[in-house]
PDB file of N, CA and C in Angstrom:
ATOM      1  N   UNK A   1      85.026 103.629  99.476  1.00  0.00           N
ATOM      2  CA  UNK A   1      85.697 104.912  99.382  1.00  0.00           C
ATOM      3  C   UNK A   1      86.942 104.837 100.244  1.00  0.00           C
ATOM      4  N   UNK A   2      88.079 105.059  99.640  1.00  0.00           N
ATOM      5  CA  UNK A   2      89.334 105.079 100.379  1.00  0.00           C
ATOM      6  C   UNK A   2      89.567 106.457 100.961  1.00  0.00           C
ATOM      7  N   UNK A   3      89.831 106.532 102.259  1.00  0.00           N
ATOM      8  CA  UNK A   3      90.066 107.810 102.927  1.00  0.00           C
ATOM      9  C   UNK A   3      91.440 107.802 103.570  1.00  0.00           C
ATOM     10  N   UNK A   4      92.093 108.943 103.551  1.00  0.00           N
ATOM     11  CA  UNK A   4      93.393 109.080 104.182  1.00  0.00           C
ATOM     12  C   UNK A   4      93.382 110.233 105.158  1.00  0.00           C
ATOM     13  N   UNK A   5      94.279 110.201 106.112  1.00  0.00           N
ATOM     14  CA  UNK A   5      94.440 111.281 107.067  1.00  0.00           C
ATOM     15  C   UNK A   5      95.918 111.621 107.100  1.00  0.00           C
ATOM     16  N   UNK A   6      96.230 112.892 107.068  1.00  0.00           N
ATOM     17  CA  UNK A   6      97.629 113.312 107.011  1.00  0.00           C
ATOM     18  C   UNK A   6      98.248 113.451 108.403  1.00  0.00           C
ATOM     19  N   UNK A   7      97.564 112.982 109.446  1.00  0.00           N
ATOM     20  CA  UNK A   7      98.113 113.052 110.796  1.00  0.00           C
ATOM     21  C   UNK A   7      98.019 111.683 111.449  1.00  0.00           C
ATOM     22  N   UNK A   8      98.832 111.480 112.467  1.00  0.00           N
ATOM     23  CA  UNK A   8      98.772 110.256 113.261  1.00  0.00           C
ATOM     24  C   UNK A   8      97.992 110.587 114.529  1.00  0.00           C
ATOM     25  N   UNK A   9      96.754 110.101 114.619  1.00  0.00           N
ATOM     26  CA  UNK A   9      95.887 110.482 115.733  1.00  0.00           C
ATOM     27  C   UNK A   9      96.284 109.834 117.049  1.00  0.00           C
ATOM     28  N   UNK A  10      97.027 108.750 117.027  1.00  0.00           N
ATOM     29  CA  UNK A  10      97.397 108.072 118.264  1.00  0.00           C
ATOM     30  C   UNK A  10      98.776 108.485 118.765  1.00  0.00           C
ATOM     31  N   UNK A  11      99.379 109.482 118.132  1.00  0.00           N
ATOM     32  CA  UNK A  11     100.708 109.936 118.515  1.00  0.00           C
ATOM     33  C   UNK A  11     100.585 111.151 119.439  1.00  0.00           C
ATOM     34  N   UNK A  12     101.471 111.271 120.461  1.00  0.00           N
ATOM     35  CA  UNK A  12     101.407 112.453 121.318  1.00  0.00           C
ATOM     36  C   UNK A  12     101.717 113.736 120.547  1.00  0.00           C
ATOM     37  N   UNK A  13     102.512 113.643 119.503  1.00  0.00           N
ATOM     38  CA  UNK A  13     102.789 114.780 118.629  1.00  0.00           C
ATOM     39  C   UNK A  13     102.139 114.507 117.289  1.00  0.00           C
ATOM     40  N   UNK A  14     101.677 115.544 116.656  1.00  0.00           N
ATOM     41  CA  UNK A  14     101.020 115.357 115.367  1.00  0.00           C
ATOM     42  C   UNK A  14     102.001 115.743 114.265  1.00  0.00           C
ATOM     43  N   UNK A  15     102.356 114.767 113.455  1.00  0.00           N
ATOM     44  CA  UNK A  15     103.262 114.983 112.338  1.00  0.00           C
ATOM     45  C   UNK A  15     102.448 114.991 111.056  1.00  0.00           C
ATOM     46  N   UNK A  16     102.665 115.966 110.229  1.00  0.00           N
ATOM     47  CA  UNK A  16     101.965 115.995 108.952  1.00  0.00           C
ATOM     48  C   UNK A  16     102.893 115.473 107.867  1.00  0.00           C
ATOM     49  N   UNK A  17     102.415 114.519 107.121  1.00  0.00           N
ATOM     50  CA  UNK A  17     103.179 113.954 106.019  1.00  0.00           C
ATOM     51  C   UNK A  17     102.360 114.117 104.752  1.00  0.00           C
ATOM     52  N   UNK A  18     102.802 114.994 103.881  1.00  0.00           N
ATOM     53  CA  UNK A  18     102.068 115.246 102.648  1.00  0.00           C
ATOM     54  C   UNK A  18     102.041 113.991 101.781  1.00  0.00           C
ATOM     55  N   UNK A  19     100.882 113.643 101.288  1.00  0.00           N
ATOM     56  CA  UNK A  19     100.635 112.517 100.377  1.00  0.00           C
ATOM     57  C   UNK A  19     100.720 111.142 101.035  1.00  0.00           C
ATOM     58  N   UNK A  20     101.080 111.044 102.298  1.00  0.00           N
ATOM     59  CA  UNK A  20     101.211 109.728 102.934  1.00  0.00           C
ATOM     60  C   UNK A  20      99.888 108.970 102.902  1.00  0.00           C
ATOM     61  N   UNK A  21      98.807 109.648 103.280  1.00  0.00           N
ATOM     62  CA  UNK A  21      97.494 109.005 103.279  1.00  0.00           C
ATOM     63  C   UNK A  21      97.098 108.521 101.906  1.00  0.00           C
ATOM     64  N   UNK A  22      97.381 109.318 100.880  1.00  0.00           N
ATOM     65  CA  UNK A  22      97.026 108.935  99.509  1.00  0.00           C
ATOM     66  C   UNK A  22      97.775 107.687  99.065  1.00  0.00           C
ATOM     67  N   UNK A  23      99.027 107.584  99.421  1.00  0.00           N
ATOM     68  CA  UNK A  23      99.832 106.428  99.023  1.00  0.00           C
ATOM     69  C   UNK A  23      99.319 105.162  99.703  1.00  0.00           C
ATOM     70  N   UNK A  24      99.021 105.253 100.985  1.00  0.00           N
ATOM     71  CA  UNK A  24      98.517 104.093 101.721  1.00  0.00           C
ATOM     72  C   UNK A  24      97.165 103.658 101.168  1.00  0.00           C
ATOM     73  N   UNK A  25      96.287 104.630 100.888  1.00  0.00           N
ATOM     74  CA  UNK A  25      94.973 104.308 100.320  1.00  0.00           C
ATOM     75  C   UNK A  25      95.135 103.644  98.959  1.00  0.00           C
ATOM     76  N   UNK A  26      96.037 104.158  98.136  1.00  0.00           N
ATOM     77  CA  UNK A  26      96.250 103.574  96.803  1.00  0.00           C
ATOM     78  C   UNK A  26      96.707 102.119  96.908  1.00  0.00           C
ATOM     79  N   UNK A  27      97.592 101.817  97.857  1.00  0.00           N
ATOM     80  CA  UNK A  27      98.043 100.427  98.022  1.00  0.00           C
ATOM     81  C   UNK A  27      96.892  99.536  98.478  1.00  0.00           C
ATOM     82  N   UNK A  28      96.060 100.035  99.368  1.00  0.00           N
ATOM     83  CA  UNK A  28      94.913  99.261  99.831  1.00  0.00           C
ATOM     84  C   UNK A  28      93.908  99.006  98.721  1.00  0.00           C
ATOM     85  N   UNK A  29      93.635 100.043  97.919  1.00  0.00           N
ATOM     86  CA  UNK A  29      92.701  99.894  96.800  1.00  0.00           C
ATOM     87  C   UNK A  29      93.244  98.896  95.787  1.00  0.00           C
ATOM     88  N   UNK A  30      94.531  98.942  95.525  1.00  0.00           N
ATOM     89  CA  UNK A  30      95.120  97.997  94.575  1.00  0.00           C
ATOM     90  C   UNK A  30      94.945  96.558  95.060  1.00  0.00           C
ATOM     91  N   UNK A  31      95.156  96.319  96.344  1.00  0.00           N
ATOM     92  CA  UNK A  31      94.966  94.968  96.886  1.00  0.00           C
ATOM     93  C   UNK A  31      93.508  94.524  96.797  1.00  0.00           C
ATOM     94  N   UNK A  32      92.570  95.446  97.066  1.00  0.00           N
ATOM     95  CA  UNK A  32      91.148  95.095  96.939  1.00  0.00           C
ATOM     96  C   UNK A  32      90.801  94.807  95.482  1.00  0.00           C
ATOM     97  N   UNK A  33      91.409  95.554  94.562  1.00  0.00           N
ATOM     98  CA  UNK A  33      91.174  95.343  93.128  1.00  0.00           C
ATOM     99  C   UNK A  33      91.643  93.944  92.718  1.00  0.00           C
ATOM    100  N   UNK A  34      92.847  93.571  93.165  1.00  0.00           N
ATOM    101  CA  UNK A  34      93.370  92.229  92.864  1.00  0.00           C
ATOM    102  C   UNK A  34      92.462  91.142  93.432  1.00  0.00           C
ATOM    103  N   UNK A  35      92.016  91.327  94.672  1.00  0.00           N
ATOM    104  CA  UNK A  35      91.146  90.333  95.304  1.00  0.00           C
ATOM    105  C   UNK A  35      89.825  90.218  94.553  1.00  0.00           C
ATOM    106  N   UNK A  36      89.248  91.345  94.145  1.00  0.00           N
ATOM    107  CA  UNK A  36      87.987  91.320  93.392  1.00  0.00           C
ATOM    108  C   UNK A  36      88.171  90.567  92.081  1.00  0.00           C
ATOM    109  N   UNK A  37      89.264  90.840  91.390  1.00  0.00           N
ATOM    110  CA  UNK A  37      89.534  90.164  90.115  1.00  0.00           C
ATOM    111  C   UNK A  37      89.703  88.657  90.329  1.00  0.00           C
ATOM    112  N   UNK A  38      90.428  88.275  91.376  1.00  0.00           N
ATOM    113  CA  UNK A  38      90.649  86.852  91.664  1.00  0.00           C
ATOM    114  C   UNK A  38      89.336  86.131  91.972  1.00  0.00           C
ATOM    115  N   UNK A  39      88.357  86.850  92.507  1.00  0.00           N
ATOM    116  CA  UNK A  39      87.057  86.262  92.829  1.00  0.00           C
ATOM    117  C   UNK A  39      86.066  86.349  91.668  1.00  0.00           C
ATOM    118  N   UNK A  40      86.518  86.901  90.538  1.00  0.00           N
ATOM    119  CA  UNK A  40      85.662  86.972  89.359  1.00  0.00           C
ATOM    120  C   UNK A  40      84.820  88.230  89.256  1.00  0.00           C
ATOM    121  N   UNK A  41      85.087  89.220  90.096  1.00  0.00           N
ATOM    122  CA  UNK A  41      84.347  90.478  90.038  1.00  0.00           C
ATOM    123  C   UNK A  41      85.082  91.486  89.173  1.00  0.00           C
ATOM    124  N   UNK A  42      84.360  92.477  88.703  1.00  0.00           N
ATOM    125  CA  UNK A  42      84.966  93.593  87.994  1.00  0.00           C
ATOM    126  C   UNK A  42      85.160  94.739  88.975  1.00  0.00           C
ATOM    127  N   UNK A  43      86.147  95.581  88.740  1.00  0.00           N
ATOM    128  CA  UNK A  43      86.400  96.718  89.623  1.00  0.00           C
ATOM    129  C   UNK A  43      86.787  97.923  88.786  1.00  0.00           C
ATOM    130  N   UNK A  44      86.441  99.093  89.274  1.00  0.00           N
ATOM    131  CA  UNK A  44      86.782 100.336  88.589  1.00  0.00           C
ATOM    132  C   UNK A  44      87.180 101.399  89.595  1.00  0.00           C
ATOM    133  N   UNK A  45      88.305 102.042  89.362  1.00  0.00           N
ATOM    134  CA  UNK A  45      88.851 103.076  90.248  1.00  0.00           C
ATOM    135  C   UNK A  45      88.430 104.440  89.730  1.00  0.00           C
ATOM    136  N   UNK A  46      87.911 105.276  90.598  1.00  0.00           N
ATOM    137  CA  UNK A  46      87.546 106.635  90.205  1.00  0.00           C
ATOM    138  C   UNK A  46      88.048 107.621  91.257  1.00  0.00           C
ATOM    139  N   UNK A  47      88.740 108.653  90.807  1.00  0.00           N
ATOM    140  CA  UNK A  47      89.160 109.719  91.713  1.00  0.00           C
ATOM    141  C   UNK A  47      88.292 110.957  91.523  1.00  0.00           C
ATOM    142  N   UNK A  48      87.621 111.070  90.379  1.00  0.00           N
ATOM    143  CA  UNK A  48      86.839 112.274  90.081  1.00  0.00           C
ATOM    144  C   UNK A  48      85.726 112.569  91.083  1.00  0.00           C
ATOM    145  N   UNK A  49      85.006 111.581  91.637  1.00  0.00           N
ATOM    146  CA  UNK A  49      83.942 111.933  92.586  1.00  0.00           C
ATOM    147  C   UNK A  49      84.430 112.686  93.819  1.00  0.00           C
ATOM    148  N   UNK A  50      85.699 112.610  94.139  1.00  0.00           N
ATOM    149  CA  UNK A  50      86.197 113.272  95.343  1.00  0.00           C
ATOM    150  C   UNK A  50      87.160 114.421  95.035  1.00  0.00           C
ATOM    151  N   UNK A  51      87.324 114.776  93.773  1.00  0.00           N
ATOM    152  CA  UNK A  51      88.263 115.841  93.417  1.00  0.00           C
ATOM    153  C   UNK A  51      87.684 117.238  93.649  1.00  0.00           C
ATOM    154  N   UNK A  52      86.405 117.426  93.396  1.00  0.00           N
ATOM    155  CA  UNK A  52      85.776 118.733  93.586  1.00  0.00           C
ATOM    156  C   UNK A  52      85.428 118.901  95.068  1.00  0.00           C
ATOM    157  N   UNK A  53      85.870 119.980  95.717  1.00  0.00           N
ATOM    158  CA  UNK A  53      85.663 120.134  97.164  1.00  0.00           C
ATOM    159  C   UNK A  53      84.193 120.056  97.596  1.00  0.00           C
ATOM    160  N   UNK A  54      83.283 120.691  96.868  1.00  0.00           N
ATOM    161  CA  UNK A  54      81.870 120.667  97.275  1.00  0.00           C
ATOM    162  C   UNK A  54      81.291 119.254  97.159  1.00  0.00           C
ATOM    163  N   UNK A  55      81.603 118.563  96.086  1.00  0.00           N
ATOM    164  CA  UNK A  55      81.115 117.193  95.914  1.00  0.00           C
ATOM    165  C   UNK A  55      81.697 116.285  96.996  1.00  0.00           C
ATOM    166  N   UNK A  56      82.948 116.494  97.332  1.00  0.00           N
ATOM    167  CA  UNK A  56      83.608 115.713  98.380  1.00  0.00           C
ATOM    168  C   UNK A  56      82.918 115.954  99.728  1.00  0.00           C
ATOM    169  N   UNK A  57      82.592 117.218 100.005  1.00  0.00           N
ATOM    170  CA  UNK A  57      81.908 117.566 101.249  1.00  0.00           C
ATOM    171  C   UNK A  57      80.532 116.902 101.331  1.00  0.00           C
ATOM    172  N   UNK A  58      79.784 116.926 100.236  1.00  0.00           N
ATOM    173  CA  UNK A  58      78.470 116.284 100.203  1.00  0.00           C
ATOM    174  C   UNK A  58      78.586 114.775 100.420  1.00  0.00           C
ATOM    175  N   UNK A  59      79.587 114.167  99.802  1.00  0.00           N
ATOM    176  CA  UNK A  59      79.814 112.730  99.960  1.00  0.00           C
ATOM    177  C   UNK A  59      80.125 112.387 101.419  1.00  0.00           C
ATOM    178  N   UNK A  60      80.975 113.191 102.041  1.00  0.00           N
ATOM    179  CA  UNK A  60      81.334 112.958 103.446  1.00  0.00           C
ATOM    180  C   UNK A  60      80.109 113.066 104.352  1.00  0.00           C
ATOM    181  N   UNK A  61      79.275 114.082 104.103  1.00  0.00           N
ATOM    182  CA  UNK A  61      78.058 114.250 104.899  1.00  0.00           C
ATOM    183  C   UNK A  61      77.120 113.061 104.714  1.00  0.00           C
ATOM    184  N   UNK A  62      76.964 112.626 103.480  1.00  0.00           N
ATOM    185  CA  UNK A  62      76.002 111.564 103.171  1.00  0.00           C
ATOM    186  C   UNK A  62      76.358 110.230 103.826  1.00  0.00           C
ATOM    187  N   UNK A  63      77.648 109.875 103.852  1.00  0.00           N
ATOM    188  CA  UNK A  63      78.009 108.563 104.405  1.00  0.00           C
ATOM    189  C   UNK A  63      78.755 108.648 105.743  1.00  0.00           C
ATOM    190  N   UNK A  64      78.832 109.855 106.320  1.00  0.00           N
ATOM    191  CA  UNK A  64      79.344 110.002 107.682  1.00  0.00           C
ATOM    192  C   UNK A  64      80.848 109.936 107.854  1.00  0.00           C
ATOM    193  N   UNK A  65      81.607 110.375 106.870  1.00  0.00           N
ATOM    194  CA  UNK A  65      83.072 110.401 107.004  1.00  0.00           C
ATOM    195  C   UNK A  65      83.452 111.587 107.890  1.00  0.00           C
ATOM    196  N   UNK A  66      84.229 111.379 108.968  1.00  0.00           N
ATOM    197  CA  UNK A  66      84.628 112.489 109.849  1.00  0.00           C
ATOM    198  C   UNK A  66      85.454 113.536 109.091  1.00  0.00           C
ATOM    199  N   UNK A  67      85.412 114.777 109.580  1.00  0.00           N
ATOM    200  CA  UNK A  67      86.134 115.879 108.922  1.00  0.00           C
ATOM    201  C   UNK A  67      87.651 115.695 108.959  1.00  0.00           C
ATOM    202  N   UNK A  68      88.149 114.891 109.884  1.00  0.00           N
ATOM    203  CA  UNK A  68      89.600 114.680 109.976  1.00  0.00           C
ATOM    204  C   UNK A  68      90.114 113.713 108.909  1.00  0.00           C
ATOM    205  N   UNK A  69      89.206 113.104 108.146  1.00  0.00           N
ATOM    206  CA  UNK A  69      89.580 112.172 107.087  1.00  0.00           C
ATOM    207  C   UNK A  69      89.224 112.768 105.736  1.00  0.00           C
ATOM    208  N   UNK A  70      90.050 112.486 104.737  1.00  0.00           N
ATOM    209  CA  UNK A  70      89.865 113.042 103.395  1.00  0.00           C
ATOM    210  C   UNK A  70      89.640 111.902 102.412  1.00  0.00           C
ATOM    211  N   UNK A  71      88.494 111.881 101.715  1.00  0.00           N
ATOM    212  CA  UNK A  71      88.299 110.859 100.681  1.00  0.00           C
ATOM    213  C   UNK A  71      89.325 111.042  99.563  1.00  0.00           C
ATOM    214  N   UNK A  72      89.961 109.970  99.167  1.00  0.00           N
ATOM    215  CA  UNK A  72      91.000 110.021  98.143  1.00  0.00           C
ATOM    216  C   UNK A  72      90.486 109.479  96.816  1.00  0.00           C
ATOM    217  N   UNK A  73      89.738 108.392  96.864  1.00  0.00           N
ATOM    218  CA  UNK A  73      89.252 107.761  95.637  1.00  0.00           C
ATOM    219  C   UNK A  73      88.122 106.800  95.975  1.00  0.00           C
ATOM    220  N   UNK A  74      87.433 106.365  94.938  1.00  0.00           N
ATOM    221  CA  UNK A  74      86.391 105.356  95.115  1.00  0.00           C
ATOM    222  C   UNK A  74      86.741 104.139  94.270  1.00  0.00           C
ATOM    223  N   UNK A  75      86.323 102.984  94.742  1.00  0.00           N
ATOM    224  CA  UNK A  75      86.520 101.743  94.005  1.00  0.00           C
ATOM    225  C   UNK A  75      85.167 101.056  93.916  1.00  0.00           C
ATOM    226  N   UNK A  76      84.668 100.935  92.708  1.00  0.00           N
ATOM    227  CA  UNK A  76      83.390 100.254  92.490  1.00  0.00           C
ATOM    228  C   UNK A  76      83.671  98.799  92.154  1.00  0.00           C
ATOM    229  N   UNK A  77      82.984  97.893  92.841  1.00  0.00           N
ATOM    230  CA  UNK A  77      83.162  96.458  92.616  1.00  0.00           C
ATOM    231  C   UNK A  77      81.806  95.858  92.280  1.00  0.00           C
ATOM    232  N   UNK A  78      81.768  95.027  91.247  1.00  0.00           N
ATOM    233  CA  UNK A  78      80.510  94.404  90.863  1.00  0.00           C
ATOM    234  C   UNK A  78      80.720  93.210  89.959  1.00  0.00           C
ATOM    235  N   UNK A  79      79.608  92.624  89.555  1.00  0.00           N
ATOM    236  CA  UNK A  79      79.637  91.465  88.663  1.00  0.00           C
ATOM    237  C   UNK A  79      79.663  91.974  87.224  1.00  0.00           C
ATOM    238  N   UNK A  80      80.621  91.534  86.403  1.00  0.00           N
ATOM    239  CA  UNK A  80      80.664  91.985  85.009  1.00  0.00           C
ATOM    240  C   UNK A  80      79.392  91.572  84.259  1.00  0.00           C
ATOM    241  N   UNK A  81      78.897  92.462  83.409  1.00  0.00           N
ATOM    242  CA  UNK A  81      77.704  92.179  82.622  1.00  0.00           C
ATOM    243  C   UNK A  81      77.957  91.063  81.621  1.00  0.00           C
ATOM    244  N   UNK A  82      79.130  91.085  80.997  1.00  0.00           N
ATOM    245  CA  UNK A  82      79.479  90.043  80.027  1.00  0.00           C
ATOM    246  C   UNK A  82      80.980  89.781  80.118  1.00  0.00           C
ATOM    247  N   UNK A  83      81.420  88.588  79.713  1.00  0.00           N
ATOM    248  CA  UNK A  83      82.862  88.303  79.767  1.00  0.00           C
ATOM    249  C   UNK A  83      83.620  89.153  78.751  1.00  0.00           C
ATOM    250  N   UNK A  84      84.834  89.482  79.078  1.00  0.00           N
ATOM    251  CA  UNK A  84      85.670  90.286  78.190  1.00  0.00           C
ATOM    252  C   UNK A  84      86.101  89.434  77.006  1.00  0.00           C
ATOM    253  N   UNK A  85      85.924  89.963  75.805  1.00  0.00           N
ATOM    254  CA  UNK A  85      86.264  89.216  74.596  1.00  0.00           C
ATOM    255  C   UNK A  85      87.767  89.253  74.318  1.00  0.00           C
ATOM    256  N   UNK A  86      88.382  90.397  74.518  1.00  0.00           N
ATOM    257  CA  UNK A  86      89.821  90.563  74.285  1.00  0.00           C
ATOM    258  C   UNK A  86      90.441  91.235  75.497  1.00  0.00           C
ATOM    259  N   UNK A  87      91.702  90.970  75.726  1.00  0.00           N
ATOM    260  CA  UNK A  87      92.409  91.674  76.783  1.00  0.00           C
ATOM    261  C   UNK A  87      92.715  93.099  76.340  1.00  0.00           C
ATOM    262  N   UNK A  88      93.129  93.952  77.255  1.00  0.00           N
ATOM    263  CA  UNK A  88      93.451  95.325  76.875  1.00  0.00           C
ATOM    264  C   UNK A  88      94.690  95.375  75.983  1.00  0.00           C
ATOM    265  N   UNK A  89      94.710  96.317  75.044  1.00  0.00           N
ATOM    266  CA  UNK A  89      95.908  96.469  74.215  1.00  0.00           C
ATOM    267  C   UNK A  89      96.990  97.115  75.079  1.00  0.00           C
ATOM    268  N   UNK A  90      98.207  96.678  74.901  1.00  0.00           N
ATOM    269  CA  UNK A  90      99.300  97.175  75.734  1.00  0.00           C
ATOM    270  C   UNK A  90     100.514  97.473  74.879  1.00  0.00           C
ATOM    271  N   UNK A  91     101.355  98.378  75.398  1.00  0.00           N
ATOM    272  CA  UNK A  91     102.623  98.657  74.755  1.00  0.00           C
ATOM    273  C   UNK A  91     103.543  97.460  74.973  1.00  0.00           C
ATOM    274  N   UNK A  92     104.490  97.215  74.078  1.00  0.00           N
ATOM    275  CA  UNK A  92     105.465  96.146  74.320  1.00  0.00           C
ATOM    276  C   UNK A  92     106.244  96.440  75.606  1.00  0.00           C
ATOM    277  N   UNK A  93     106.578  95.397  76.337  1.00  0.00           N
ATOM    278  CA  UNK A  93     107.279  95.543  77.606  1.00  0.00           C
ATOM    279  C   UNK A  93     108.555  96.374  77.452  1.00  0.00           C
ATOM    280  N   UNK A  94     109.269  96.159  76.364  1.00  0.00           N
ATOM    281  CA  UNK A  94     110.542  96.865  76.144  1.00  0.00           C
ATOM    282  C   UNK A  94     110.354  98.372  75.972  1.00  0.00           C
ATOM    283  N   UNK A  95     109.163  98.825  75.642  1.00  0.00           N
ATOM    284  CA  UNK A  95     108.949 100.258  75.438  1.00  0.00           C
ATOM    285  C   UNK A  95     108.558 100.987  76.719  1.00  0.00           C
ATOM    286  N   UNK A  96     108.249 100.257  77.790  1.00  0.00           N
ATOM    287  CA  UNK A  96     107.844 100.913  79.030  1.00  0.00           C
ATOM    288  C   UNK A  96     108.734 100.574  80.223  1.00  0.00           C
ATOM    289  N   UNK A  97     109.703  99.676  80.069  1.00  0.00           N
ATOM    290  CA  UNK A  97     110.619  99.304  81.141  1.00  0.00           C
ATOM    291  C   UNK A  97     112.049  99.620  80.739  1.00  0.00           C
ATOM    292  N   UNK A  98     112.843 100.005  81.739  1.00  0.00           N
ATOM    293  CA  UNK A  98     114.270 100.220  81.524  1.00  0.00           C
ATOM    294  C   UNK A  98     115.035  99.288  82.450  1.00  0.00           C
ATOM    295  N   UNK A  99     116.294  99.024  82.124  1.00  0.00           N
ATOM    296  CA  UNK A  99     117.120  98.130  82.925  1.00  0.00           C
ATOM    297  C   UNK A  99     118.156  98.934  83.700  1.00  0.00           C
ATOM    298  N   UNK A 100     118.033  98.949  85.007  1.00  0.00           N
ATOM    299  CA  UNK A 100     118.965  99.549  85.953  1.00  0.00           C
ATOM    300  C   UNK A 100     119.054 101.069  85.901  1.00  0.00           C
ATOM    301  N   UNK A 101     118.919 101.696  84.745  1.00  0.00           N
ATOM    302  CA  UNK A 101     118.967 103.155  84.624  1.00  0.00           C
ATOM    303  C   UNK A 101     117.920 103.604  83.620  1.00  0.00           C
ATOM    304  N   UNK A 102     117.403 104.799  83.823  1.00  0.00           N
ATOM    305  CA  UNK A 102     116.429 105.375  82.898  1.00  0.00           C
ATOM    306  C   UNK A 102     117.047 105.478  81.505  1.00  0.00           C
ATOM    307  N   UNK A 103     116.361 104.993  80.519  1.00  0.00           N
ATOM    308  CA  UNK A 103     116.834 105.068  79.145  1.00  0.00           C
ATOM    309  C   UNK A 103     117.623 103.855  78.680  1.00  0.00           C
ATOM    310  N   UNK A 104     118.083 103.013  79.606  1.00  0.00           N
ATOM    311  CA  UNK A 104     118.816 101.807  79.245  1.00  0.00           C
ATOM    312  C   UNK A 104     117.792 100.736  78.853  1.00  0.00           C
ATOM    313  N   UNK A 105     117.737 100.341  77.583  1.00  0.00           N
ATOM    314  CA  UNK A 105     116.679  99.436  77.123  1.00  0.00           C
ATOM    315  C   UNK A 105     116.628  98.124  77.907  1.00  0.00           C
ATOM    316  N   UNK A 106     115.423  97.718  78.232  1.00  0.00           N
ATOM    317  CA  UNK A 106     115.190  96.441  78.904  1.00  0.00           C
ATOM    318  C   UNK A 106     115.122  95.347  77.854  1.00  0.00           C
ATOM    319  N   UNK A 107     115.767  94.219  78.122  1.00  0.00           N
ATOM    320  CA  UNK A 107     115.694  93.064  77.224  1.00  0.00           C
ATOM    321  C   UNK A 107     115.181  91.878  78.014  1.00  0.00           C
ATOM    322  N   UNK A 108     114.191  91.205  77.471  1.00  0.00           N
ATOM    323  CA  UNK A 108     113.650  90.023  78.141  1.00  0.00           C
ATOM    324  C   UNK A 108     114.722  88.941  78.210  1.00  0.00           C
ATOM    325  N   UNK A 109     114.648  88.116  79.225  1.00  0.00           N
ATOM    326  CA  UNK A 109     115.642  87.054  79.429  1.00  0.00           C
ATOM    327  C   UNK A 109     115.762  86.170  78.193  1.00  0.00           C
ATOM    328  N   UNK A 110     114.649  85.878  77.548  1.00  0.00           N
ATOM    329  CA  UNK A 110     114.665  85.002  76.371  1.00  0.00           C
ATOM    330  C   UNK A 110     115.421  85.618  75.198  1.00  0.00           C
ATOM    331  N   UNK A 111     115.539  86.952  75.167  1.00  0.00           N
ATOM    332  CA  UNK A 111     116.184  87.624  74.039  1.00  0.00           C
ATOM    333  C   UNK A 111     117.589  88.128  74.351  1.00  0.00           C
ATOM    334  N   UNK A 112     118.092  87.860  75.554  1.00  0.00           N
ATOM    335  CA  UNK A 112     119.430  88.339  75.925  1.00  0.00           C
ATOM    336  C   UNK A 112     120.496  87.448  75.315  1.00  0.00           C
ATOM    337  N   UNK A 113     121.628  88.058  74.984  1.00  0.00           N
ATOM    338  CA  UNK A 113     122.777  87.307  74.457  1.00  0.00           C
ATOM    339  C   UNK A 113     123.759  87.064  75.601  1.00  0.00           C
ATOM    340  N   UNK A 114     123.551  85.998  76.341  1.00  0.00           N
ATOM    341  CA  UNK A 114     124.458  85.700  77.461  1.00  0.00           C
ATOM    342  C   UNK A 114     124.996  84.315  77.327  1.00  0.00           C
TER     343      UNK A 114
END
């Protein structure tokens, strides 16, 4: 369970930064996801278990998360039941990336006229 805190506890002044904890937790979870995949494990990210305040409170009580920390998401890691037969379907790279400015079509190096 990734937890974030919106304050710096070791600072003489307490600064609140909205979303800072969530961003740091997301980067940490992404790195753990990559490491799990590299080791042959499967991983799944879930934010729903911590979205409802009452469920979040019960989760914190059950595993001892201090009140000054907020659960942001969970990452389940395990051994895949069976190997994946096909990779995930994806949009073409050119339909989801832009070059230098929003809306400027991206062209792969192999397809550029230079």
